[in-house]
Amino acid sequence: VFTAILATIFGVFPAFAAEDNRTEFPALQTETGRLTIY
């Protein structure tokens, strides 16, 4: 919530936000590509 308030008021988006909310789904076989979804 604090992050959201900062973002709304000051346009601040801490770098840790993405890391805290990133989930990796490893390829089921040998990796042939990496898709990033926001």
Full PDB file with SEQRES, HELIX, SHEET, SSBOND, CRYST1, ORIGX, SCALE, CONECT and MASTER records, all heavy atoms in Angstrom:
SEQRES   1 A   38  VAL PHE THR ALA ILE LEU ALA THR ILE PHE GLY VAL PHE          
SEQRES   2 A   38  PRO ALA PHE ALA ALA GLU ASP ASN ARG THR GLU PHE PRO          
SEQRES   3 A   38  ALA LEU GLN THR GLU THR GLY ARG LEU THR ILE TYR              
HELIX    1 AA1 PHE A    2  PHE A   10  1                                   9    
HELIX    2 AA2 PHE A   16  ASP A   20  1                                   5    
CRYST1    1.000    1.000    1.000  90.00  90.00  90.00 P 1           1          
ORIGX1      1.000000  0.000000  0.000000        0.00000                         
ORIGX2      0.000000  1.000000  0.000000        0.00000                         
ORIGX3      0.000000  0.000000  1.000000        0.00000                         
SCALE1      1.000000  0.000000  0.000000        0.00000                         
SCALE2      0.000000  1.000000  0.000000        0.00000                         
SCALE3      0.000000  0.000000  1.000000        0.00000                         
ATOM      1  N   VAL A   1       0.831  -1.193   0.000  1.00  0.00           N  
ATOM      2  CA  VAL A   1       0.000   0.000   0.000  1.00  0.00           C  
ATOM      3  C   VAL A   1       0.868   1.246   0.000  1.00  0.00           C  
ATOM      4  O   VAL A   1       0.599   2.222  -0.703  1.00  0.00           O  
ATOM      5  CB  VAL A   1      -0.948   0.002   1.221  1.00  0.00           C  
ATOM      6  CG1 VAL A   1      -1.701   1.308   1.320  1.00  0.00           C  
ATOM      7  CG2 VAL A   1      -1.910  -1.171   1.140  1.00  0.00           C  
ATOM      8  N   PHE A   2       1.971   1.247   0.806  1.00  0.00           N  
ATOM      9  CA  PHE A   2       2.876   2.384   0.855  1.00  0.00           C  
ATOM     10  C   PHE A   2       3.497   2.638  -0.507  1.00  0.00           C  
ATOM     11  O   PHE A   2       3.617   3.791  -0.953  1.00  0.00           O  
ATOM     12  CB  PHE A   2       3.974   2.123   1.895  1.00  0.00           C  
ATOM     13  CG  PHE A   2       4.989   3.230   2.000  1.00  0.00           C  
ATOM     14  CD1 PHE A   2       4.615   4.469   2.517  1.00  0.00           C  
ATOM     15  CD2 PHE A   2       6.287   3.047   1.572  1.00  0.00           C  
ATOM     16  CE1 PHE A   2       5.545   5.492   2.614  1.00  0.00           C  
ATOM     17  CE2 PHE A   2       7.210   4.071   1.667  1.00  0.00           C  
ATOM     18  CZ  PHE A   2       6.845   5.292   2.197  1.00  0.00           C  
ATOM     19  N   THR A   3       3.887   1.565  -1.199  1.00  0.00           N  
ATOM     20  CA  THR A   3       4.432   1.701  -2.540  1.00  0.00           C  
ATOM     21  C   THR A   3       3.425   2.337  -3.478  1.00  0.00           C  
ATOM     22  O   THR A   3       3.748   3.212  -4.276  1.00  0.00           O  
ATOM     23  CB  THR A   3       4.825   0.314  -3.094  1.00  0.00           C  
ATOM     24  OG1 THR A   3       5.811  -0.254  -2.238  1.00  0.00           O  
ATOM     25  CG2 THR A   3       5.400   0.428  -4.503  1.00  0.00           C  
ATOM     26  N   ALA A   4       2.170   1.898  -3.381  1.00  0.00           N  
ATOM     27  CA  ALA A   4       1.126   2.451  -4.249  1.00  0.00           C  
ATOM     28  C   ALA A   4       0.920   3.930  -3.980  1.00  0.00           C  
ATOM     29  O   ALA A   4       0.719   4.728  -4.904  1.00  0.00           O  
ATOM     30  CB  ALA A   4      -0.178   1.696  -4.036  1.00  0.00           C  
ATOM     31  N   ILE A   5       0.972   4.323  -2.712  1.00  0.00           N  
ATOM     32  CA  ILE A   5       0.781   5.729  -2.376  1.00  0.00           C  
ATOM     33  C   ILE A   5       1.930   6.570  -2.926  1.00  0.00           C  
ATOM     34  O   ILE A   5       1.728   7.640  -3.507  1.00  0.00           O  
ATOM     35  CB  ILE A   5       0.656   5.902  -0.847  1.00  0.00           C  
ATOM     36  CG1 ILE A   5      -0.606   5.204  -0.338  1.00  0.00           C  
ATOM     37  CG2 ILE A   5       0.638   7.380  -0.464  1.00  0.00           C  
ATOM     38  CD1 ILE A   5      -0.693   5.125   1.166  1.00  0.00           C  
ATOM     39  N   LEU A   6       3.165   6.088  -2.760  1.00  0.00           N  
ATOM     40  CA  LEU A   6       4.305   6.799  -3.322  1.00  0.00           C  
ATOM     41  C   LEU A   6       4.171   6.947  -4.823  1.00  0.00           C  
ATOM     42  O   LEU A   6       4.440   8.012  -5.386  1.00  0.00           O  
ATOM     43  CB  LEU A   6       5.606   6.034  -3.010  1.00  0.00           C  
ATOM     44  CG  LEU A   6       6.159   6.136  -1.587  1.00  0.00           C  
ATOM     45  CD1 LEU A   6       7.403   5.272  -1.469  1.00  0.00           C  
ATOM     46  CD2 LEU A   6       6.483   7.585  -1.237  1.00  0.00           C  
ATOM     47  N   ALA A   7       3.757   5.849  -5.462  1.00  0.00           N  
ATOM     48  CA  ALA A   7       3.636   5.877  -6.916  1.00  0.00           C  
ATOM     49  C   ALA A   7       2.597   6.888  -7.361  1.00  0.00           C  
ATOM     50  O   ALA A   7       2.802   7.616  -8.339  1.00  0.00           O  
ATOM     51  CB  ALA A   7       3.262   4.483  -7.425  1.00  0.00           C  
ATOM     52  N   THR A   8       1.478   6.933  -6.650  1.00  0.00           N  
ATOM     53  CA  THR A   8       0.404   7.830  -7.043  1.00  0.00           C  
ATOM     54  C   THR A   8       0.785   9.294  -6.818  1.00  0.00           C  
ATOM     55  O   THR A   8       0.540  10.154  -7.652  1.00  0.00           O  
ATOM     56  CB  THR A   8      -0.868   7.508  -6.239  1.00  0.00           C  
ATOM     57  OG1 THR A   8      -1.220   6.157  -6.500  1.00  0.00           O  
ATOM     58  CG2 THR A   8      -2.017   8.411  -6.635  1.00  0.00           C  
ATOM     59  N   ILE A   9       1.426   9.573  -5.688  1.00  0.00           N  
ATOM     60  CA  ILE A   9       1.703  10.957  -5.337  1.00  0.00           C  
ATOM     61  C   ILE A   9       2.963  11.485  -6.007  1.00  0.00           C  
ATOM     62  O   ILE A   9       2.994  12.590  -6.543  1.00  0.00           O  
ATOM     63  CB  ILE A   9       1.829  11.094  -3.803  1.00  0.00           C  
ATOM     64  CG1 ILE A   9       0.521  10.677  -3.124  1.00  0.00           C  
ATOM     65  CG2 ILE A   9       2.193  12.523  -3.419  1.00  0.00           C  
ATOM     66  CD1 ILE A   9       0.589  10.680  -1.620  1.00  0.00           C  
ATOM     67  N   PHE A  10       4.007  10.662  -6.024  1.00  0.00           N  
ATOM     68  CA  PHE A  10       5.293  11.159  -6.491  1.00  0.00           C  
ATOM     69  C   PHE A  10       5.777  10.514  -7.779  1.00  0.00           C  
ATOM     70  O   PHE A  10       6.815  10.909  -8.324  1.00  0.00           O  
ATOM     71  CB  PHE A  10       6.363  10.931  -5.405  1.00  0.00           C  
ATOM     72  CG  PHE A  10       6.049  11.610  -4.099  1.00  0.00           C  
ATOM     73  CD1 PHE A  10       5.706  10.853  -2.994  1.00  0.00           C  
ATOM     74  CD2 PHE A  10       6.066  12.983  -3.991  1.00  0.00           C  
ATOM     75  CE1 PHE A  10       5.408  11.478  -1.788  1.00  0.00           C  
ATOM     76  CE2 PHE A  10       5.772  13.604  -2.793  1.00  0.00           C  
ATOM     77  CZ  PHE A  10       5.441  12.839  -1.682  1.00  0.00           C  
ATOM     78  N   GLY A  11       5.055   9.509  -8.273  1.00  0.00           N  
ATOM     79  CA  GLY A  11       5.531   8.820  -9.465  1.00  0.00           C  
ATOM     80  C   GLY A  11       6.742   7.949  -9.180  1.00  0.00           C  
ATOM     81  O   GLY A  11       7.558   7.690 -10.055  1.00  0.00           O  
ATOM     82  N   VAL A  12       6.883   7.504  -7.927  1.00  0.00           N  
ATOM     83  CA  VAL A  12       8.032   6.700  -7.521  1.00  0.00           C  
ATOM     84  C   VAL A  12       7.686   5.231  -7.608  1.00  0.00           C  
ATOM     85  O   VAL A  12       6.693   4.789  -7.041  1.00  0.00           O  
ATOM     86  CB  VAL A  12       8.446   7.047  -6.068  1.00  0.00           C  
ATOM     87  CG1 VAL A  12       9.580   6.151  -5.612  1.00  0.00           C  
ATOM     88  CG2 VAL A  12       8.860   8.517  -5.982  1.00  0.00           C  
ATOM     89  N   PHE A  13       8.532   4.455  -8.295  1.00  0.00           N  
ATOM     90  CA  PHE A  13       8.279   3.025  -8.437  1.00  0.00           C  
ATOM     91  C   PHE A  13       9.554   2.285  -8.069  1.00  0.00           C  
ATOM     92  O   PHE A  13      10.440   2.107  -8.897  1.00  0.00           O  
ATOM     93  CB  PHE A  13       7.853   2.690  -9.872  1.00  0.00           C  
ATOM     94  CG  PHE A  13       6.562   3.328 -10.240  1.00  0.00           C  
ATOM     95  CD1 PHE A  13       6.532   4.583 -10.816  1.00  0.00           C  
ATOM     96  CD2 PHE A  13       5.362   2.694  -9.972  1.00  0.00           C  
ATOM     97  CE1 PHE A  13       5.330   5.180 -11.129  1.00  0.00           C  
ATOM     98  CE2 PHE A  13       4.158   3.282 -10.281  1.00  0.00           C  
ATOM     99  CZ  PHE A  13       4.146   4.532 -10.864  1.00  0.00           C  
ATOM    100  N   PRO A  14       9.699   1.880  -6.797  1.00  0.00           N  
ATOM    101  CA  PRO A  14      10.933   1.256  -6.348  1.00  0.00           C  
ATOM    102  C   PRO A  14      11.290   0.031  -7.162  1.00  0.00           C  
ATOM    103  O   PRO A  14      10.433  -0.748  -7.553  1.00  0.00           O  
ATOM    104  CB  PRO A  14      10.612   0.865  -4.890  1.00  0.00           C  
ATOM    105  CG  PRO A  14       9.489   1.775  -4.493  1.00  0.00           C  
ATOM    106  CD  PRO A  14       8.697   2.000  -5.730  1.00  0.00           C  
ATOM    107  N   ALA A  15      12.591  -0.154  -7.392  1.00  0.00           N  
ATOM    108  CA  ALA A  15      13.062  -1.284  -8.190  1.00  0.00           C  
ATOM    109  C   ALA A  15      12.710  -2.614  -7.560  1.00  0.00           C  
ATOM    110  O   ALA A  15      12.502  -3.605  -8.248  1.00  0.00           O  
ATOM    111  CB  ALA A  15      14.574  -1.173  -8.377  1.00  0.00           C  
ATOM    112  N   PHE A  16      12.619  -2.637  -6.214  1.00  0.00           N  
ATOM    113  CA  PHE A  16      12.358  -3.913  -5.557  1.00  0.00           C  
ATOM    114  C   PHE A  16      10.964  -4.436  -5.828  1.00  0.00           C  
ATOM    115  O   PHE A  16      10.680  -5.608  -5.615  1.00  0.00           O  
ATOM    116  CB  PHE A  16      12.584  -3.817  -4.039  1.00  0.00           C  
ATOM    117  CG  PHE A  16      11.672  -2.857  -3.335  1.00  0.00           C  
ATOM    118  CD1 PHE A  16      10.336  -3.158  -3.117  1.00  0.00           C  
ATOM    119  CD2 PHE A  16      12.156  -1.646  -2.875  1.00  0.00           C  
ATOM    120  CE1 PHE A  16       9.499  -2.281  -2.459  1.00  0.00           C  
ATOM    121  CE2 PHE A  16      11.311  -0.765  -2.218  1.00  0.00           C  
ATOM    122  CZ  PHE A  16       9.997  -1.077  -2.007  1.00  0.00           C  
ATOM    123  N   ALA A  17      10.065  -3.566  -6.305  1.00  0.00           N  
ATOM    124  CA  ALA A  17       8.680  -4.008  -6.520  1.00  0.00           C  
ATOM    125  C   ALA A  17       8.618  -5.159  -7.497  1.00  0.00           C  
ATOM    126  O   ALA A  17       7.924  -6.145  -7.292  1.00  0.00           O  
ATOM    127  CB  ALA A  17       7.827  -2.834  -7.011  1.00  0.00           C  
ATOM    128  N   ALA A  18       9.380  -5.047  -8.593  1.00  0.00           N  
ATOM    129  CA  ALA A  18       9.355  -6.100  -9.598  1.00  0.00           C  
ATOM    130  C   ALA A  18       9.964  -7.381  -9.056  1.00  0.00           C  
ATOM    131  O   ALA A  18       9.465  -8.478  -9.302  1.00  0.00           O  
ATOM    132  CB  ALA A  18      10.107  -5.643 -10.844  1.00  0.00           C  
ATOM    133  N   GLU A  19      11.057  -7.262  -8.309  1.00  0.00           N  
ATOM    134  CA  GLU A  19      11.714  -8.453  -7.794  1.00  0.00           C  
ATOM    135  C   GLU A  19      10.833  -9.166  -6.771  1.00  0.00           C  
ATOM    136  O   GLU A  19      10.782 -10.382  -6.715  1.00  0.00           O  
ATOM    137  CB  GLU A  19      13.075  -8.075  -7.171  1.00  0.00           C  
ATOM    138  CG  GLU A  19      14.070  -7.500  -8.173  1.00  0.00           C  
ATOM    139  CD  GLU A  19      14.278  -8.417  -9.371  1.00  0.00           C  
ATOM    140  OE1 GLU A  19      14.413  -9.644  -9.188  1.00  0.00           O  
ATOM    141  OE2 GLU A  19      14.302  -7.904 -10.505  1.00  0.00           O  
ATOM    142  N   ASP A  20      10.138  -8.401  -5.949  1.00  0.00           N  
ATOM    143  CA  ASP A  20       9.263  -8.986  -4.940  1.00  0.00           C  
ATOM    144  C   ASP A  20       8.072  -9.704  -5.561  1.00  0.00           C  
ATOM    145  O   ASP A  20       7.464 -10.557  -4.935  1.00  0.00           O  
ATOM    146  CB  ASP A  20       8.749  -7.901  -3.991  1.00  0.00           C  
ATOM    147  CG  ASP A  20       9.800  -7.474  -2.981  1.00  0.00           C  
ATOM    148  OD1 ASP A  20      10.892  -8.063  -2.998  1.00  0.00           O  
ATOM    149  OD2 ASP A  20       9.532  -6.548  -2.203  1.00  0.00           O  
ATOM    150  N   ASN A  21       7.730  -9.353  -6.788  1.00  0.00           N  
ATOM    151  CA  ASN A  21       6.515  -9.883  -7.402  1.00  0.00           C  
ATOM    152  C   ASN A  21       6.801 -10.616  -8.701  1.00  0.00           C  
ATOM    153  O   ASN A  21       5.942 -10.710  -9.565  1.00  0.00           O  
ATOM    154  CB  ASN A  21       5.523  -8.739  -7.642  1.00  0.00           C  
ATOM    155  CG  ASN A  21       5.060  -8.122  -6.336  1.00  0.00           C  
ATOM    156  OD1 ASN A  21       4.211  -8.671  -5.658  1.00  0.00           O  
ATOM    157  ND2 ASN A  21       5.650  -7.006  -5.969  1.00  0.00           N  
ATOM    158  N   ARG A  22       8.007 -11.129  -8.827  1.00  0.00           N  
ATOM    159  CA  ARG A  22       8.403 -11.883 -10.014  1.00  0.00           C  
ATOM    160  C   ARG A  22       8.337 -13.386  -9.711  1.00  0.00           C  
ATOM    161  O   ARG A  22       8.839 -13.858  -8.693  1.00  0.00           O  
ATOM    162  CB  ARG A  22       9.823 -11.515 -10.434  1.00  0.00           C  
ATOM    163  CG  ARG A  22      10.341 -12.281 -11.662  1.00  0.00           C  
ATOM    164  CD  ARG A  22      11.828 -12.027 -11.890  1.00  0.00           C  
ATOM    165  NE  ARG A  22      12.083 -10.644 -12.184  1.00  0.00           N  
ATOM    166  CZ  ARG A  22      12.132 -10.124 -13.405  1.00  0.00           C  
ATOM    167  NH1 ARG A  22      11.929 -10.907 -14.460  1.00  0.00           N  
ATOM    168  NH2 ARG A  22      12.394  -8.837 -13.590  1.00  0.00           N  
ATOM    169  N   THR A  23       7.721 -14.127 -10.607  1.00  0.00           N  
ATOM    170  CA  THR A  23       7.656 -15.577 -10.488  1.00  0.00           C  
ATOM    171  C   THR A  23       8.164 -16.186 -11.784  1.00  0.00           C  
ATOM    172  O   THR A  23       7.734 -15.785 -12.870  1.00  0.00           O  
ATOM    173  CB  THR A  23       6.219 -16.062 -10.235  1.00  0.00           C  
ATOM    174  OG1 THR A  23       5.705 -15.439  -9.050  1.00  0.00           O  
ATOM    175  CG2 THR A  23       6.173 -17.579 -10.071  1.00  0.00           C  
ATOM    176  N   GLU A  24       9.066 -17.138 -11.665  1.00  0.00           N  
ATOM    177  CA  GLU A  24       9.601 -17.806 -12.854  1.00  0.00           C  
ATOM    178  C   GLU A  24       8.953 -19.176 -13.026  1.00  0.00           C  
ATOM    179  O   GLU A  24       8.848 -19.945 -12.074  1.00  0.00           O  
ATOM    180  CB  GLU A  24      11.112 -17.979 -12.755  1.00  0.00           C  
ATOM    181  CG  GLU A  24      11.718 -18.642 -13.993  1.00  0.00           C  
ATOM    182  CD  GLU A  24      13.200 -18.911 -13.862  1.00  0.00           C  
ATOM    183  OE1 GLU A  24      13.999 -18.014 -14.182  1.00  0.00           O  
ATOM    184  OE2 GLU A  24      13.562 -20.025 -13.392  1.00  0.00           O  
ATOM    185  N   PHE A  25       8.513 -19.441 -14.248  1.00  0.00           N  
ATOM    186  CA  PHE A  25       7.999 -20.758 -14.614  1.00  0.00           C  
ATOM    187  C   PHE A  25       9.027 -21.385 -15.565  1.00  0.00           C  
ATOM    188  O   PHE A  25       9.034 -21.084 -16.762  1.00  0.00           O  
ATOM    189  CB  PHE A  25       6.639 -20.639 -15.312  1.00  0.00           C  
ATOM    190  CG  PHE A  25       5.527 -20.168 -14.418  1.00  0.00           C  
ATOM    191  CD1 PHE A  25       5.364 -18.817 -14.129  1.00  0.00           C  
ATOM    192  CD2 PHE A  25       4.646 -21.082 -13.851  1.00  0.00           C  
ATOM    193  CE1 PHE A  25       4.340 -18.380 -13.307  1.00  0.00           C  
ATOM    194  CE2 PHE A  25       3.622 -20.657 -13.025  1.00  0.00           C  
ATOM    195  CZ  PHE A  25       3.466 -19.296 -12.744  1.00  0.00           C  
ATOM    196  N   PRO A  26       9.918 -22.237 -15.040  1.00  0.00           N  
ATOM    197  CA  PRO A  26      10.972 -22.805 -15.887  1.00  0.00           C  
ATOM    198  C   PRO A  26      10.396 -23.641 -17.029  1.00  0.00           C  
ATOM    199  O   PRO A  26       9.316 -24.244 -16.902  1.00  0.00           O  
ATOM    200  CB  PRO A  26      11.771 -23.679 -14.918  1.00  0.00           C  
ATOM    201  CG  PRO A  26      11.432 -23.175 -13.551  1.00  0.00           C  
ATOM    202  CD  PRO A  26      10.024 -22.695 -13.639  1.00  0.00           C  
ATOM    203  N   ALA A  27      11.106 -23.657 -18.130  1.00  0.00           N  
ATOM    204  CA  ALA A  27      10.702 -24.479 -19.266  1.00  0.00           C  
ATOM    205  C   ALA A  27      10.605 -25.937 -18.834  1.00  0.00           C  
ATOM    206  O   ALA A  27      11.394 -26.418 -18.008  1.00  0.00           O  
ATOM    207  CB  ALA A  27      11.704 -24.321 -20.401  1.00  0.00           C  
ATOM    208  N   LEU A  28       9.653 -26.660 -19.388  1.00  0.00           N  
ATOM    209  CA  LEU A  28       9.465 -28.071 -19.033  1.00  0.00           C  
ATOM    210  C   LEU A  28      10.510 -28.955 -19.703  1.00  0.00           C  
ATOM    211  O   LEU A  28      10.779 -30.066 -19.249  1.00  0.00           O  
ATOM    212  CB  LEU A  28       8.064 -28.530 -19.447  1.00  0.00           C  
ATOM    213  CG  LEU A  28       6.895 -27.744 -18.847  1.00  0.00           C  
ATOM    214  CD1 LEU A  28       5.569 -28.340 -19.290  1.00  0.00           C  
ATOM    215  CD2 LEU A  28       6.981 -27.712 -17.322  1.00  0.00           C  
ATOM    216  N   GLN A  29      11.086 -28.450 -20.778  1.00  0.00           N  
ATOM    217  CA  GLN A  29      12.173 -29.152 -21.464  1.00  0.00           C  
ATOM    218  C   GLN A  29      13.322 -28.173 -21.651  1.00  0.00           C  
ATOM    219  O   GLN A  29      13.361 -27.140 -20.985  1.00  0.00           O  
ATOM    220  CB  GLN A  29      11.666 -29.706 -22.803  1.00  0.00           C  
ATOM    221  CG  GLN A  29      10.554 -30.748 -22.665  1.00  0.00           C  
ATOM    222  CD  GLN A  29      10.043 -31.248 -23.995  1.00  0.00           C  
ATOM    223  OE1 GLN A  29      10.570 -30.917 -25.060  1.00  0.00           O  
ATOM    224  NE2 GLN A  29       8.985 -32.054 -23.961  1.00  0.00           N  
ATOM    225  N   THR A  30      14.275 -28.490 -22.507  1.00  0.00           N  
ATOM    226  CA  THR A  30      15.383 -27.575 -22.760  1.00  0.00           C  
ATOM    227  C   THR A  30      14.849 -26.219 -23.214  1.00  0.00           C  
ATOM    228  O   THR A  30      14.018 -26.132 -24.116  1.00  0.00           O  
ATOM    229  CB  THR A  30      16.311 -28.143 -23.846  1.00  0.00           C  
ATOM    230  OG1 THR A  30      16.801 -29.421 -23.416  1.00  0.00           O  
ATOM    231  CG2 THR A  30      17.492 -27.209 -24.086  1.00  0.00           C  
ATOM    232  N   GLU A  31      15.331 -25.160 -22.557  1.00  0.00           N  
ATOM    233  CA  GLU A  31      14.816 -23.831 -22.855  1.00  0.00           C  
ATOM    234  C   GLU A  31      15.169 -23.385 -24.268  1.00  0.00           C  
ATOM    235  O   GLU A  31      16.335 -23.411 -24.668  1.00  0.00           O  
ATOM    236  CB  GLU A  31      15.350 -22.817 -21.846  1.00  0.00           C  
ATOM    237  CG  GLU A  31      14.820 -21.404 -22.063  1.00  0.00           C  
ATOM    238  CD  GLU A  31      15.331 -20.408 -21.030  1.00  0.00           C  
ATOM    239  OE1 GLU A  31      15.226 -20.703 -19.819  1.00  0.00           O  
ATOM    240  OE2 GLU A  31      15.837 -19.355 -21.445  1.00  0.00           O  
ATOM    241  N   THR A  32      14.164 -22.961 -25.001  1.00  0.00           N  
ATOM    242  CA  THR A  32      14.367 -22.432 -26.349  1.00  0.00           C  
ATOM    243  C   THR A  32      13.985 -20.962 -26.442  1.00  0.00           C  
ATOM    244  O   THR A  32      14.260 -20.307 -27.459  1.00  0.00           O  
ATOM    245  CB  THR A  32      13.525 -23.221 -27.369  1.00  0.00           C  
ATOM    246  OG1 THR A  32      12.145 -23.130 -27.006  1.00  0.00           O  
ATOM    247  CG2 THR A  32      13.946 -24.679 -27.407  1.00  0.00           C  
ATOM    248  N   GLY A  33      13.356 -20.443 -25.402  1.00  0.00           N  
ATOM    249  CA  GLY A  33      12.961 -19.041 -25.400  1.00  0.00           C  
ATOM    250  C   GLY A  33      12.489 -18.629 -24.022  1.00  0.00           C  
ATOM    251  O   GLY A  33      12.124 -19.466 -23.198  1.00  0.00           O  
ATOM    252  N   ARG A  34      12.502 -17.310 -23.767  1.00  0.00           N  
ATOM    253  CA  ARG A  34      12.065 -16.782 -22.476  1.00  0.00           C  
ATOM    254  C   ARG A  34      11.074 -15.652 -22.727  1.00  0.00           C  
ATOM    255  O   ARG A  34      11.384 -14.654 -23.365  1.00  0.00           O  
ATOM    256  CB  ARG A  34      13.262 -16.284 -21.661  1.00  0.00           C  
ATOM    257  CG  ARG A  34      12.888 -15.722 -20.290  1.00  0.00           C  
ATOM    258  CD  ARG A  34      14.137 -15.351 -19.493  1.00  0.00           C  
ATOM    259  NE  ARG A  34      14.810 -16.532 -19.013  1.00  0.00           N  
ATOM    260  CZ  ARG A  34      14.667 -17.043 -17.800  1.00  0.00           C  
ATOM    261  NH1 ARG A  34      13.823 -16.478 -16.928  1.00  0.00           N  
ATOM    262  NH2 ARG A  34      15.342 -18.108 -17.423  1.00  0.00           N  
ATOM    263  N   LEU A  35       9.883 -15.834 -22.205  1.00  0.00           N  
ATOM    264  CA  LEU A  35       8.791 -14.876 -22.347  1.00  0.00           C  
ATOM    265  C   LEU A  35       8.620 -14.110 -21.033  1.00  0.00           C  
ATOM    266  O   LEU A  35       8.524 -14.720 -19.972  1.00  0.00           O  
ATOM    267  CB  LEU A  35       7.497 -15.620 -22.693  1.00  0.00           C  
ATOM    268  CG  LEU A  35       6.170 -14.870 -22.566  1.00  0.00           C  
ATOM    269  CD1 LEU A  35       6.094 -13.715 -23.554  1.00  0.00           C  
ATOM    270  CD2 LEU A  35       4.992 -15.829 -22.769  1.00  0.00           C  
ATOM    271  N   THR A  36       8.596 -12.796 -21.118  1.00  0.00           N  
ATOM    272  CA  THR A  36       8.400 -11.960 -19.934  1.00  0.00           C  
ATOM    273  C   THR A  36       7.050 -11.269 -20.014  1.00  0.00           C  
ATOM    274  O   THR A  36       6.769 -10.549 -20.979  1.00  0.00           O  
ATOM    275  CB  THR A  36       9.520 -10.902 -19.818  1.00  0.00           C  
ATOM    276  OG1 THR A  36      10.787 -11.554 -19.785  1.00  0.00           O  
ATOM    277  CG2 THR A  36       9.345 -10.088 -18.537  1.00  0.00           C  
ATOM    278  N   ILE A  37       6.219 -11.501 -19.000  1.00  0.00           N  
ATOM    279  CA  ILE A  37       4.877 -10.936 -18.943  1.00  0.00           C  
ATOM    280  C   ILE A  37       4.784  -9.985 -17.757  1.00  0.00           C  
ATOM    281  O   ILE A  37       5.063 -10.368 -16.617  1.00  0.00           O  
ATOM    282  CB  ILE A  37       3.807 -12.040 -18.788  1.00  0.00           C  
ATOM    283  CG1 ILE A  37       3.869 -13.018 -19.961  1.00  0.00           C  
ATOM    284  CG2 ILE A  37       2.414 -11.432 -18.679  1.00  0.00           C  
ATOM    285  CD1 ILE A  37       2.961 -14.224 -19.801  1.00  0.00           C  
ATOM    286  N   TYR A  38       4.414  -8.747 -18.017  1.00  0.00           N  
ATOM    287  CA  TYR A  38       4.103  -7.788 -16.965  1.00  0.00           C  
ATOM    288  C   TYR A  38       2.585  -7.726 -16.841  1.00  0.00           C  
ATOM    289  O   TYR A  38       1.896  -7.519 -17.838  1.00  0.00           O  
ATOM    290  CB  TYR A  38       4.660  -6.402 -17.300  1.00  0.00           C  
ATOM    291  CG  TYR A  38       6.137  -6.252 -16.999  1.00  0.00           C  
ATOM    292  CD1 TYR A  38       7.098  -6.830 -17.811  1.00  0.00           C  
ATOM    293  CD2 TYR A  38       6.567  -5.529 -15.891  1.00  0.00           C  
ATOM    294  CE1 TYR A  38       8.449  -6.702 -17.536  1.00  0.00           C  
ATOM    295  CE2 TYR A  38       7.913  -5.391 -15.598  1.00  0.00           C  
ATOM    296  CZ  TYR A  38       8.856  -5.975 -16.425  1.00  0.00           C  
ATOM    297  OH  TYR A  38      10.186  -5.843 -16.138  1.00  0.00           O  
TER     298      TYR A  38                                                      
MASTER        0    0    0    2    0    0    0    6  297    1    0    3          
END                                                                             
